[in-house]
Amino acid sequence: MIWRARQTQSSVARAMGVTPGSLSHKLNGRRPWSATEIAWAAGRFGVTVDALFRTDGVVGPEGFEPPTSSV
């Protein structure tokens, strides 16, 4: 979702008031999200809270980064 919004993890972390490392741990499931952080993220990206938890591929891209070449 961060990638689709054309934002960086660093910019989202800064806006969220956490370090980039802390955000990375949250995104990778190594640190829990508070209800306030979840609501904030939904508002930041203009989606519902339940959309943040979808696992059918609708919300996030297939990988962590877009392809860098077509070869």
Protein backbone atom coordinates (compact mmCIF):
# COMPACT_ATOMS: atom_id res chain seq x y z
CA MET A 1 0.00 0.00 0.00
CA ILE A 2 2.88 2.35 0.76
CA TRP A 3 4.34 1.65 -2.67
CA ARG A 4 0.99 2.15 -4.44
CA ALA A 5 0.59 5.50 -2.70
CA ARG A 6 4.05 6.44 -4.02
CA GLN A 7 5.36 7.05 -0.53
CA THR A 8 8.41 5.74 1.25
CA GLN A 9 8.52 3.82 4.50
CA SER A 10 10.63 6.65 5.90
CA SER A 11 8.04 9.31 5.07
CA VAL A 12 5.21 7.20 6.49
CA ALA A 13 7.21 6.45 9.65
CA ARG A 14 7.97 10.15 10.10
CA ALA A 15 4.28 11.09 9.69
CA MET A 16 3.33 8.30 12.07
CA GLY A 17 5.82 9.46 14.69
CA VAL A 18 7.89 6.27 14.75
CA THR A 19 11.32 5.34 13.45
CA PRO A 20 11.67 3.65 10.06
CA GLY A 21 12.95 0.55 11.89
CA SER A 22 9.87 0.46 14.09
CA LEU A 23 7.58 0.73 11.07
CA SER A 24 9.52 -2.02 9.32
CA HIS A 25 9.03 -4.29 12.35
CA LYS A 26 5.29 -3.53 12.34
CA LEU A 27 5.00 -4.25 8.62
CA ASN A 28 6.84 -7.55 9.05
CA GLY A 29 4.82 -8.67 12.07
CA ARG A 30 7.65 -8.40 14.58
CA ARG A 31 6.01 -5.54 16.50
CA PRO A 32 2.28 -5.09 17.19
CA TRP A 33 0.13 -2.25 15.86
CA SER A 34 -2.05 -0.25 18.23
CA ALA A 35 -5.69 0.39 17.32
CA THR A 36 -4.81 4.08 16.95
CA GLU A 37 -2.00 3.28 14.49
CA ILE A 38 -4.28 1.03 12.45
CA ALA A 39 -6.95 3.72 12.24
CA TRP A 40 -4.30 6.29 11.32
CA ALA A 41 -2.92 4.08 8.52
CA ALA A 42 -6.41 3.50 7.10
CA GLY A 43 -7.00 7.26 7.02
CA ARG A 44 -3.57 7.98 5.56
CA PHE A 45 -4.17 5.64 2.63
CA GLY A 46 -7.88 6.31 2.21
CA VAL A 47 -9.04 2.76 2.87
CA THR A 48 -11.19 1.06 5.47
CA VAL A 49 -9.58 -0.68 8.41
CA ASP A 50 -10.71 -4.07 7.12
CA ALA A 51 -8.97 -3.36 3.80
CA LEU A 52 -5.67 -3.24 5.68
CA PHE A 53 -6.16 -6.88 6.70
CA ARG A 54 -7.20 -8.32 3.33
CA THR A 55 -5.12 -11.22 2.08
CA ASP A 56 -6.63 -11.66 -1.39
CA GLY A 57 -4.03 -9.49 -3.13
CA VAL A 58 -6.35 -6.53 -3.64
CA VAL A 59 -4.56 -4.18 -1.26
CA GLY A 60 -0.86 -4.82 -1.73
CA PRO A 61 1.33 -5.59 -4.71
CA GLU A 62 2.64 -9.09 -5.39
CA GLY A 63 6.10 -8.19 -4.06
CA PHE A 64 7.81 -5.61 -1.94
CA GLU A 65 9.19 -3.63 -4.87
CA PRO A 66 8.04 -2.93 -8.41
CA PRO A 67 9.94 -4.61 -11.22
CA THR A 68 13.02 -2.68 -12.28
CA SER A 69 13.27 -4.07 -15.81
CA SER A 70 11.22 -5.95 -18.32
CA VAL A 71 13.96 -8.44 -19.13
